[in-house]
Amino acid sequence: MILSVLSVLGIGYASLLYSRSTLTGMNNLDGIVGVVLGLYICSHPAANLVDLLFYRRGIWYQFSSGRSAFWWLTLNILVLLVSGAVIFIGTTRLIGS
């Protein structure tokens, strides 16, 4: 549930910047907000990946089927891609003119 909310938040930030030229009136502040938001969004799937690789070797047994594990992993990768796009947009705003 939280991964879905975070991905919607990231897509909302990107679409607002696409539809409007700026959110706060200053590109530097828009860039800082984008980078911080992207890092926060990225932290949840990254923590899930660390749990998967190091701490819970038997995490696959927690899923009811292989299909649910596949969709969980797909959602984590999708949220990582969204957060990468938000970080890229924020960095572009931060260092751009």
PDB file of N, CA and C in Angstrom:
ATOM      1  N   MET A   1       0.824  -1.192   0.000  1.00  0.00           N
ATOM      2  CA  MET A   1       0.000   0.000   0.000  1.00  0.00           C
ATOM      3  C   MET A   1       0.867   1.254   0.000  1.00  0.00           C
ATOM      4  N   ILE A   2       1.894   1.270   0.857  1.00  0.00           N
ATOM      5  CA  ILE A   2       2.738   2.462   0.948  1.00  0.00           C
ATOM      6  C   ILE A   2       3.537   2.673  -0.336  1.00  0.00           C
ATOM      7  N   LEU A   3       3.924   1.591  -0.992  1.00  0.00           N
ATOM      8  CA  LEU A   3       4.653   1.732  -2.248  1.00  0.00           C
ATOM      9  C   LEU A   3       3.774   2.361  -3.323  1.00  0.00           C
ATOM     10  N   SER A   4       2.517   2.013  -3.344  1.00  0.00           N
ATOM     11  CA  SER A   4       1.595   2.610  -4.315  1.00  0.00           C
ATOM     12  C   SER A   4       1.399   4.095  -4.059  1.00  0.00           C
ATOM     13  N   VAL A   5       1.259   4.464  -2.803  1.00  0.00           N
ATOM     14  CA  VAL A   5       1.094   5.874  -2.448  1.00  0.00           C
ATOM     15  C   VAL A   5       2.342   6.670  -2.827  1.00  0.00           C
ATOM     16  N   LEU A   6       3.514   6.097  -2.562  1.00  0.00           N
ATOM     17  CA  LEU A   6       4.751   6.793  -2.898  1.00  0.00           C
ATOM     18  C   LEU A   6       4.921   6.954  -4.399  1.00  0.00           C
ATOM     19  N   SER A   7       4.548   5.941  -5.164  1.00  0.00           N
ATOM     20  CA  SER A   7       4.664   6.075  -6.614  1.00  0.00           C
ATOM     21  C   SER A   7       3.686   7.122  -7.151  1.00  0.00           C
ATOM     22  N   VAL A   8       2.480   7.182  -6.608  1.00  0.00           N
ATOM     23  CA  VAL A   8       1.519   8.212  -7.019  1.00  0.00           C
ATOM     24  C   VAL A   8       2.041   9.600  -6.645  1.00  0.00           C
ATOM     25  N   LEU A   9       2.663   9.720  -5.493  1.00  0.00           N
ATOM     26  CA  LEU A   9       3.238  10.995  -5.068  1.00  0.00           C
ATOM     27  C   LEU A   9       4.348  11.442  -6.020  1.00  0.00           C
ATOM     28  N   GLY A  10       5.213  10.521  -6.408  1.00  0.00           N
ATOM     29  CA  GLY A  10       6.277  10.857  -7.346  1.00  0.00           C
ATOM     30  C   GLY A  10       5.757  11.223  -8.716  1.00  0.00           C
ATOM     31  N   ILE A  11       4.777  10.478  -9.203  1.00  0.00           N
ATOM     32  CA  ILE A  11       4.188  10.786 -10.498  1.00  0.00           C
ATOM     33  C   ILE A  11       3.446  12.118 -10.440  1.00  0.00           C
ATOM     34  N   GLY A  12       2.816  12.401  -9.316  1.00  0.00           N
ATOM     35  CA  GLY A  12       2.139  13.689  -9.147  1.00  0.00           C
ATOM     36  C   GLY A  12       3.111  14.854  -9.170  1.00  0.00           C
ATOM     37  N   TYR A  13       4.257  14.693  -8.497  1.00  0.00           N
ATOM     38  CA  TYR A  13       5.274  15.747  -8.506  1.00  0.00           C
ATOM     39  C   TYR A  13       5.779  15.990  -9.927  1.00  0.00           C
ATOM     40  N   ALA A  14       6.069  14.918 -10.644  1.00  0.00           N
ATOM     41  CA  ALA A  14       6.584  15.060 -12.006  1.00  0.00           C
ATOM     42  C   ALA A  14       5.541  15.679 -12.928  1.00  0.00           C
ATOM     43  N   SER A  15       4.285  15.285 -12.777  1.00  0.00           N
ATOM     44  CA  SER A  15       3.254  15.838 -13.656  1.00  0.00           C
ATOM     45  C   SER A  15       2.962  17.305 -13.332  1.00  0.00           C
ATOM     46  N   LEU A  16       3.048  17.677 -12.064  1.00  0.00           N
ATOM     47  CA  LEU A  16       2.864  19.094 -11.723  1.00  0.00           C
ATOM     48  C   LEU A  16       3.967  19.957 -12.302  1.00  0.00           C
ATOM     49  N   LEU A  17       5.198  19.454 -12.256  1.00  0.00           N
ATOM     50  CA  LEU A  17       6.284  20.224 -12.850  1.00  0.00           C
ATOM     51  C   LEU A  17       6.178  20.254 -14.368  1.00  0.00           C
ATOM     52  N   TYR A  18       5.610  19.222 -14.956  1.00  0.00           N
ATOM     53  CA  TYR A  18       5.436  19.213 -16.409  1.00  0.00           C
ATOM     54  C   TYR A  18       4.329  20.183 -16.830  1.00  0.00           C
ATOM     55  N   SER A  19       3.250  20.219 -16.085  1.00  0.00           N
ATOM     56  CA  SER A  19       2.129  21.071 -16.471  1.00  0.00           C
ATOM     57  C   SER A  19       2.373  22.540 -16.119  1.00  0.00           C
ATOM     58  N   ARG A  20       3.054  22.777 -15.018  1.00  0.00           N
ATOM     59  CA  ARG A  20       3.408  24.140 -14.617  1.00  0.00           C
ATOM     60  C   ARG A  20       4.913  24.283 -14.752  1.00  0.00           C
ATOM     61  N   SER A  21       5.387  25.464 -14.942  1.00  0.00           N
ATOM     62  CA  SER A  21       6.825  25.636 -15.092  1.00  0.00           C
ATOM     63  C   SER A  21       7.545  25.531 -13.755  1.00  0.00           C
ATOM     64  N   THR A  22       6.865  25.853 -12.676  1.00  0.00           N
ATOM     65  CA  THR A  22       7.479  25.780 -11.355  1.00  0.00           C
ATOM     66  C   THR A  22       6.399  25.587 -10.293  1.00  0.00           C
ATOM     67  N   LEU A  23       6.777  24.981  -9.189  1.00  0.00           N
ATOM     68  CA  LEU A  23       5.825  24.786  -8.091  1.00  0.00           C
ATOM     69  C   LEU A  23       5.906  25.905  -7.068  1.00  0.00           C
ATOM     70  N   THR A  24       7.139  26.284  -6.718  1.00  0.00           N
ATOM     71  CA  THR A  24       7.332  27.261  -5.657  1.00  0.00           C
ATOM     72  C   THR A  24       7.730  28.642  -6.173  1.00  0.00           C
ATOM     73  N   GLY A  25       8.041  28.730  -7.455  1.00  0.00           N
ATOM     74  CA  GLY A  25       8.486  30.002  -8.004  1.00  0.00           C
ATOM     75  C   GLY A  25       9.999  30.093  -8.123  1.00  0.00           C
ATOM     76  N   MET A  26      10.721  29.172  -7.497  1.00  0.00           N
ATOM     77  CA  MET A  26      12.186  29.161  -7.564  1.00  0.00           C
ATOM     78  C   MET A  26      12.642  27.776  -8.005  1.00  0.00           C
ATOM     79  N   ASN A  27      13.471  27.744  -9.043  1.00  0.00           N
ATOM     80  CA  ASN A  27      13.953  26.454  -9.544  1.00  0.00           C
ATOM     81  C   ASN A  27      14.807  25.727  -8.517  1.00  0.00           C
ATOM     82  N   ASN A  28      15.592  26.469  -7.732  1.00  0.00           N
ATOM     83  CA  ASN A  28      16.439  25.817  -6.727  1.00  0.00           C
ATOM     84  C   ASN A  28      15.594  25.097  -5.678  1.00  0.00           C
ATOM     85  N   LEU A  29      14.555  25.727  -5.215  1.00  0.00           N
ATOM     86  CA  LEU A  29      13.691  25.106  -4.215  1.00  0.00           C
ATOM     87  C   LEU A  29      12.922  23.920  -4.801  1.00  0.00           C
ATOM     88  N   ASP A  30      12.478  24.061  -6.058  1.00  0.00           N
ATOM     89  CA  ASP A  30      11.828  22.929  -6.729  1.00  0.00           C
ATOM     90  C   ASP A  30      12.783  21.749  -6.854  1.00  0.00           C
ATOM     91  N   GLY A  31      14.039  22.034  -7.156  1.00  0.00           N
ATOM     92  CA  GLY A  31      15.036  20.979  -7.280  1.00  0.00           C
ATOM     93  C   GLY A  31      15.326  20.290  -5.958  1.00  0.00           C
ATOM     94  N   ILE A  32      15.422  21.072  -4.902  1.00  0.00           N
ATOM     95  CA  ILE A  32      15.674  20.496  -3.576  1.00  0.00           C
ATOM     96  C   ILE A  32      14.507  19.615  -3.149  1.00  0.00           C
ATOM     97  N   VAL A  33      13.289  20.087  -3.372  1.00  0.00           N
ATOM     98  CA  VAL A  33      12.108  19.292  -3.042  1.00  0.00           C
ATOM     99  C   VAL A  33      12.096  18.001  -3.846  1.00  0.00           C
ATOM    100  N   GLY A  34      12.433  18.075  -5.126  1.00  0.00           N
ATOM    101  CA  GLY A  34      12.444  16.887  -5.977  1.00  0.00           C
ATOM    102  C   GLY A  34      13.474  15.865  -5.552  1.00  0.00           C
ATOM    103  N   VAL A  35      14.678  16.315  -5.225  1.00  0.00           N
ATOM    104  CA  VAL A  35      15.730  15.383  -4.814  1.00  0.00           C
ATOM    105  C   VAL A  35      15.389  14.727  -3.482  1.00  0.00           C
ATOM    106  N   VAL A  36      14.920  15.507  -2.530  1.00  0.00           N
ATOM    107  CA  VAL A  36      14.563  14.947  -1.215  1.00  0.00           C
ATOM    108  C   VAL A  36      13.375  14.001  -1.346  1.00  0.00           C
ATOM    109  N   LEU A  37      12.376  14.379  -2.126  1.00  0.00           N
ATOM    110  CA  LEU A  37      11.222  13.513  -2.332  1.00  0.00           C
ATOM    111  C   LEU A  37      11.629  12.220  -3.037  1.00  0.00           C
ATOM    112  N   GLY A  38      12.485  12.325  -4.035  1.00  0.00           N
ATOM    113  CA  GLY A  38      12.951  11.134  -4.738  1.00  0.00           C
ATOM    114  C   GLY A  38      13.749  10.208  -3.842  1.00  0.00           C
ATOM    115  N   LEU A  39      14.593  10.767  -2.987  1.00  0.00           N
ATOM    116  CA  LEU A  39      15.356   9.929  -2.061  1.00  0.00           C
ATOM    117  C   LEU A  39      14.454   9.261  -1.038  1.00  0.00           C
ATOM    118  N   TYR A  40      13.434   9.961  -0.588  1.00  0.00           N
ATOM    119  CA  TYR A  40      12.495   9.350   0.353  1.00  0.00           C
ATOM    120  C   TYR A  40      11.700   8.225  -0.310  1.00  0.00           C
ATOM    121  N   ILE A  41      11.252   8.472  -1.527  1.00  0.00           N
ATOM    122  CA  ILE A  41      10.515   7.442  -2.251  1.00  0.00           C
ATOM    123  C   ILE A  41      11.405   6.225  -2.492  1.00  0.00           C
ATOM    124  N   CYS A  42      12.649   6.458  -2.809  1.00  0.00           N
ATOM    125  CA  CYS A  42      13.588   5.368  -3.096  1.00  0.00           C
ATOM    126  C   CYS A  42      13.951   4.566  -1.847  1.00  0.00           C
ATOM    127  N   SER A  43      13.823   5.152  -0.672  1.00  0.00           N
ATOM    128  CA  SER A  43      14.280   4.476   0.541  1.00  0.00           C
ATOM    129  C   SER A  43      13.454   3.242   0.883  1.00  0.00           C
ATOM    130  N   HIS A  44      12.177   3.245   0.599  1.00  0.00           N
ATOM    131  CA  HIS A  44      11.327   2.104   0.954  1.00  0.00           C
ATOM    132  C   HIS A  44      11.614   0.854   0.114  1.00  0.00           C
ATOM    133  N   PRO A  45      11.670   0.955  -1.222  1.00  0.00           N
ATOM    134  CA  PRO A  45      12.022  -0.251  -1.975  1.00  0.00           C
ATOM    135  C   PRO A  45      13.464  -0.689  -1.748  1.00  0.00           C
ATOM    136  N   ALA A  46      14.353   0.266  -1.480  1.00  0.00           N
ATOM    137  CA  ALA A  46      15.734  -0.112  -1.193  1.00  0.00           C
ATOM    138  C   ALA A  46      15.820  -0.884   0.117  1.00  0.00           C
ATOM    139  N   ALA A  47      15.047  -0.481   1.109  1.00  0.00           N
ATOM    140  CA  ALA A  47      15.018  -1.226   2.372  1.00  0.00           C
ATOM    141  C   ALA A  47      14.435  -2.619   2.170  1.00  0.00           C
ATOM    142  N   ASN A  48      13.425  -2.739   1.325  1.00  0.00           N
ATOM    143  CA  ASN A  48      12.866  -4.054   1.024  1.00  0.00           C
ATOM    144  C   ASN A  48      13.897  -4.941   0.335  1.00  0.00           C
ATOM    145  N   LEU A  49      14.683  -4.363  -0.557  1.00  0.00           N
ATOM    146  CA  LEU A  49      15.705  -5.129  -1.247  1.00  0.00           C
ATOM    147  C   LEU A  49      16.802  -5.596  -0.301  1.00  0.00           C
ATOM    148  N   VAL A  50      17.201  -4.726   0.622  1.00  0.00           N
ATOM    149  CA  VAL A  50      18.206  -5.117   1.613  1.00  0.00           C
ATOM    150  C   VAL A  50      17.664  -6.235   2.495  1.00  0.00           C
ATOM    151  N   ASP A  51      16.414  -6.118   2.897  1.00  0.00           N
ATOM    152  CA  ASP A  51      15.796  -7.199   3.673  1.00  0.00           C
ATOM    153  C   ASP A  51      15.772  -8.498   2.892  1.00  0.00           C
ATOM    154  N   LEU A  52      15.458  -8.396   1.621  1.00  0.00           N
ATOM    155  CA  LEU A  52      15.383  -9.586   0.783  1.00  0.00           C
ATOM    156  C   LEU A  52      16.745 -10.242   0.630  1.00  0.00           C
ATOM    157  N   LEU A  53      17.783  -9.445   0.425  1.00  0.00           N
ATOM    158  CA  LEU A  53      19.101 -10.006   0.149  1.00  0.00           C
ATOM    159  C   LEU A  53      19.857 -10.453   1.387  1.00  0.00           C
ATOM    160  N   PHE A  54      19.721  -9.743   2.492  1.00  0.00           N
ATOM    161  CA  PHE A  54      20.595 -10.021   3.619  1.00  0.00           C
ATOM    162  C   PHE A  54      19.899 -10.579   4.850  1.00  0.00           C
ATOM    163  N   TYR A  55      18.786  -9.999   5.235  1.00  0.00           N
ATOM    164  CA  TYR A  55      18.225 -10.319   6.541  1.00  0.00           C
ATOM    165  C   TYR A  55      17.242 -11.477   6.532  1.00  0.00           C
ATOM    166  N   ARG A  56      16.410 -11.543   5.524  1.00  0.00           N
ATOM    167  CA  ARG A  56      15.385 -12.582   5.496  1.00  0.00           C
ATOM    168  C   ARG A  56      15.621 -13.488   4.304  1.00  0.00           C
ATOM    169  N   ARG A  57      16.447 -14.447   4.479  1.00  0.00           N
ATOM    170  CA  ARG A  57      16.752 -15.345   3.363  1.00  0.00           C
ATOM    171  C   ARG A  57      15.512 -16.129   2.931  1.00  0.00           C
ATOM    172  N   GLY A  58      14.592 -16.369   3.827  1.00  0.00           N
ATOM    173  CA  GLY A  58      13.401 -17.129   3.507  1.00  0.00           C
ATOM    174  C   GLY A  58      12.196 -16.262   3.240  1.00  0.00           C
ATOM    175  N   ILE A  59      12.400 -15.048   2.693  1.00  0.00           N
ATOM    176  CA  ILE A  59      11.277 -14.131   2.482  1.00  0.00           C
ATOM    177  C   ILE A  59      10.302 -14.672   1.441  1.00  0.00           C
ATOM    178  N   TRP A  60      10.763 -15.503   0.539  1.00  0.00           N
ATOM    179  CA  TRP A  60       9.876 -16.029  -0.496  1.00  0.00           C
ATOM    180  C   TRP A  60       8.795 -16.920   0.098  1.00  0.00           C
ATOM    181  N   TYR A  61       9.045 -17.490   1.279  1.00  0.00           N
ATOM    182  CA  TYR A  61       8.043 -18.340   1.905  1.00  0.00           C
ATOM    183  C   TYR A  61       6.916 -17.532   2.550  1.00  0.00           C
ATOM    184  N   GLN A  62       7.083 -16.227   2.679  1.00  0.00           N
ATOM    185  CA  GLN A  62       6.047 -15.393   3.279  1.00  0.00           C
ATOM    186  C   GLN A  62       4.921 -15.082   2.293  1.00  0.00           C
ATOM    187  N   PHE A  63       5.158 -15.293   1.020  1.00  0.00           N
ATOM    188  CA  PHE A  63       4.147 -15.015   0.014  1.00  0.00           C
ATOM    189  C   PHE A  63       3.272 -16.246  -0.191  1.00  0.00           C
ATOM    190  N   SER A  64       2.024 -16.006  -0.532  1.00  0.00           N
ATOM    191  CA  SER A  64       1.097 -17.121  -0.711  1.00  0.00           C
ATOM    192  C   SER A  64       1.367 -17.884  -2.003  1.00  0.00           C
ATOM    193  N   SER A  65       1.931 -17.193  -3.002  1.00  0.00           N
ATOM    194  CA  SER A  65       2.255 -17.857  -4.262  1.00  0.00           C
ATOM    195  C   SER A  65       3.435 -17.152  -4.914  1.00  0.00           C
ATOM    196  N   GLY A  66       3.951 -17.781  -5.936  1.00  0.00           N
ATOM    197  CA  GLY A  66       5.035 -17.157  -6.689  1.00  0.00           C
ATOM    198  C   GLY A  66       4.572 -15.928  -7.435  1.00  0.00           C
ATOM    199  N   ARG A  67       3.283 -15.913  -7.788  1.00  0.00           N
ATOM    200  CA  ARG A  67       2.735 -14.755  -8.501  1.00  0.00           C
ATOM    201  C   ARG A  67       2.699 -13.519  -7.620  1.00  0.00           C
ATOM    202  N   SER A  68       2.337 -13.673  -6.348  1.00  0.00           N
ATOM    203  CA  SER A  68       2.312 -12.517  -5.449  1.00  0.00           C
ATOM    204  C   SER A  68       3.732 -12.006  -5.187  1.00  0.00           C
ATOM    205  N   ALA A  69       4.703 -12.900  -5.115  1.00  0.00           N
ATOM    206  CA  ALA A  69       6.092 -12.466  -4.960  1.00  0.00           C
ATOM    207  C   ALA A  69       6.565 -11.718  -6.198  1.00  0.00           C
ATOM    208  N   PHE A  70       6.138 -12.170  -7.366  1.00  0.00           N
ATOM    209  CA  PHE A  70       6.490 -11.490  -8.606  1.00  0.00           C
ATOM    210  C   PHE A  70       5.924 -10.075  -8.636  1.00  0.00           C
ATOM    211  N   TRP A  71       4.651  -9.916  -8.258  1.00  0.00           N
ATOM    212  CA  TRP A  71       4.036  -8.588  -8.280  1.00  0.00           C
ATOM    213  C   TRP A  71       4.635  -7.677  -7.223  1.00  0.00           C
ATOM    214  N   TRP A  72       5.032  -8.223  -6.068  1.00  0.00           N
ATOM    215  CA  TRP A  72       5.694  -7.428  -5.032  1.00  0.00           C
ATOM    216  C   TRP A  72       7.033  -6.908  -5.545  1.00  0.00           C
ATOM    217  N   LEU A  73       7.799  -7.773  -6.199  1.00  0.00           N
ATOM    218  CA  LEU A  73       9.086  -7.367  -6.737  1.00  0.00           C
ATOM    219  C   LEU A  73       8.912  -6.374  -7.882  1.00  0.00           C
ATOM    220  N   THR A  74       7.899  -6.575  -8.718  1.00  0.00           N
ATOM    221  CA  THR A  74       7.620  -5.654  -9.818  1.00  0.00           C
ATOM    222  C   THR A  74       7.242  -4.272  -9.294  1.00  0.00           C
ATOM    223  N   LEU A  75       6.425  -4.220  -8.255  1.00  0.00           N
ATOM    224  CA  LEU A  75       6.042  -2.932  -7.668  1.00  0.00           C
ATOM    225  C   LEU A  75       7.257  -2.224  -7.067  1.00  0.00           C
ATOM    226  N   ASN A  76       8.143  -2.953  -6.421  1.00  0.00           N
ATOM    227  CA  ASN A  76       9.353  -2.350  -5.877  1.00  0.00           C
ATOM    228  C   ASN A  76      10.224  -1.765  -6.982  1.00  0.00           C
ATOM    229  N   ILE A  77      10.373  -2.484  -8.080  1.00  0.00           N
ATOM    230  CA  ILE A  77      11.180  -1.984  -9.190  1.00  0.00           C
ATOM    231  C   ILE A  77      10.523  -0.765  -9.830  1.00  0.00           C
ATOM    232  N   LEU A  78       9.204  -0.782  -9.961  1.00  0.00           N
ATOM    233  CA  LEU A  78       8.478   0.364 -10.518  1.00  0.00           C
ATOM    234  C   LEU A  78       8.665   1.608  -9.648  1.00  0.00           C
ATOM    235  N   VAL A  79       8.587   1.444  -8.335  1.00  0.00           N
ATOM    236  CA  VAL A  79       8.768   2.581  -7.427  1.00  0.00           C
ATOM    237  C   VAL A  79      10.210   3.082  -7.496  1.00  0.00           C
ATOM    238  N   LEU A  80      11.181   2.189  -7.653  1.00  0.00           N
ATOM    239  CA  LEU A  80      12.568   2.627  -7.821  1.00  0.00           C
ATOM    240  C   LEU A  80      12.742   3.434  -9.102  1.00  0.00           C
ATOM    241  N   LEU A  81      12.093   3.025 -10.172  1.00  0.00           N
ATOM    242  CA  LEU A  81      12.172   3.780 -11.422  1.00  0.00           C
ATOM    243  C   LEU A  81      11.517   5.149 -11.298  1.00  0.00           C
ATOM    244  N   VAL A  82      10.375   5.206 -10.641  1.00  0.00           N
ATOM    245  CA  VAL A  82       9.701   6.490 -10.423  1.00  0.00           C
ATOM    246  C   VAL A  82      10.583   7.410  -9.585  1.00  0.00           C
ATOM    247  N   SER A  83      11.183   6.864  -8.535  1.00  0.00           N
ATOM    248  CA  SER A  83      12.034   7.706  -7.687  1.00  0.00           C
ATOM    249  C   SER A  83      13.275   8.170  -8.436  1.00  0.00           C
ATOM    250  N   GLY A  84      13.809   7.336  -9.310  1.00  0.00           N
ATOM    251  CA  GLY A  84      14.946   7.766 -10.129  1.00  0.00           C
ATOM    252  C   GLY A  84      14.568   8.915 -11.050  1.00  0.00           C
ATOM    253  N   ALA A  85      13.373   8.846 -11.617  1.00  0.00           N
ATOM    254  CA  ALA A  85      12.899   9.940 -12.473  1.00  0.00           C
ATOM    255  C   ALA A  85      12.699  11.218 -11.673  1.00  0.00           C
ATOM    256  N   VAL A  86      12.158  11.111 -10.462  1.00  0.00           N
ATOM    257  CA  VAL A  86      11.941  12.294  -9.620  1.00  0.00           C
ATOM    258  C   VAL A  86      13.288  12.900  -9.218  1.00  0.00           C
ATOM    259  N   ILE A  87      14.253  12.066  -8.868  1.00  0.00           N
ATOM    260  CA  ILE A  87      15.583  12.573  -8.527  1.00  0.00           C
ATOM    261  C   ILE A  87      16.210  13.258  -9.745  1.00  0.00           C
ATOM    262  N   PHE A  88      16.056  12.664 -10.926  1.00  0.00           N
ATOM    263  CA  PHE A  88      16.603  13.271 -12.144  1.00  0.00           C
ATOM    264  C   PHE A  88      15.956  14.618 -12.425  1.00  0.00           C
ATOM    265  N   ILE A  89      14.645  14.695 -12.314  1.00  0.00           N
ATOM    266  CA  ILE A  89      13.945  15.961 -12.549  1.00  0.00           C
ATOM    267  C   ILE A  89      14.379  17.001 -11.523  1.00  0.00           C
ATOM    268  N   GLY A  90      14.474  16.596 -10.259  1.00  0.00           N
ATOM    269  CA  GLY A  90      14.901  17.532  -9.220  1.00  0.00           C
ATOM    270  C   GLY A  90      16.318  18.012  -9.421  1.00  0.00           C
ATOM    271  N   THR A  91      17.214  17.120  -9.817  1.00  0.00           N
ATOM    272  CA  THR A  91      18.603  17.514 -10.064  1.00  0.00           C
ATOM    273  C   THR A  91      18.694  18.438 -11.259  1.00  0.00           C
ATOM    274  N   THR A  92      17.910  18.150 -12.282  1.00  0.00           N
ATOM    275  CA  THR A  92      17.895  19.024 -13.457  1.00  0.00           C
ATOM    276  C   THR A  92      17.400  20.423 -13.081  1.00  0.00           C
ATOM    277  N   ARG A  93      16.388  20.503 -12.260  1.00  0.00           N
ATOM    278  CA  ARG A  93      15.902  21.802 -11.791  1.00  0.00           C
ATOM    279  C   ARG A  93      16.935  22.505 -10.927  1.00  0.00           C
ATOM    280  N   LEU A  94      17.639  21.718 -10.133  1.00  0.00           N
ATOM    281  CA  LEU A  94      18.597  22.306  -9.190  1.00  0.00           C
ATOM    282  C   LEU A  94      19.804  22.901  -9.907  1.00  0.00           C
ATOM    283  N   ILE A  95      20.328  22.198 -10.887  1.00  0.00           N
ATOM    284  CA  ILE A  95      21.543  22.698 -11.544  1.00  0.00           C
ATOM    285  C   ILE A  95      21.263  23.440 -12.835  1.00  0.00           C
ATOM    286  N   GLY A  96      20.003  23.378 -13.315  1.00  0.00           N
ATOM    287  CA  GLY A  96      19.631  24.078 -14.548  1.00  0.00           C
ATOM    288  C   GLY A  96      19.467  25.564 -14.324  1.00  0.00           C
ATOM    289  N   SER A  97      19.178  26.239 -15.405  1.00  0.00           N
ATOM    290  CA  SER A  97      19.033  27.708 -15.301  1.00  0.00           C
ATOM    291  C   SER A  97      17.694  28.121 -14.768  1.00  0.00           C
TER     292      SER A  97
END
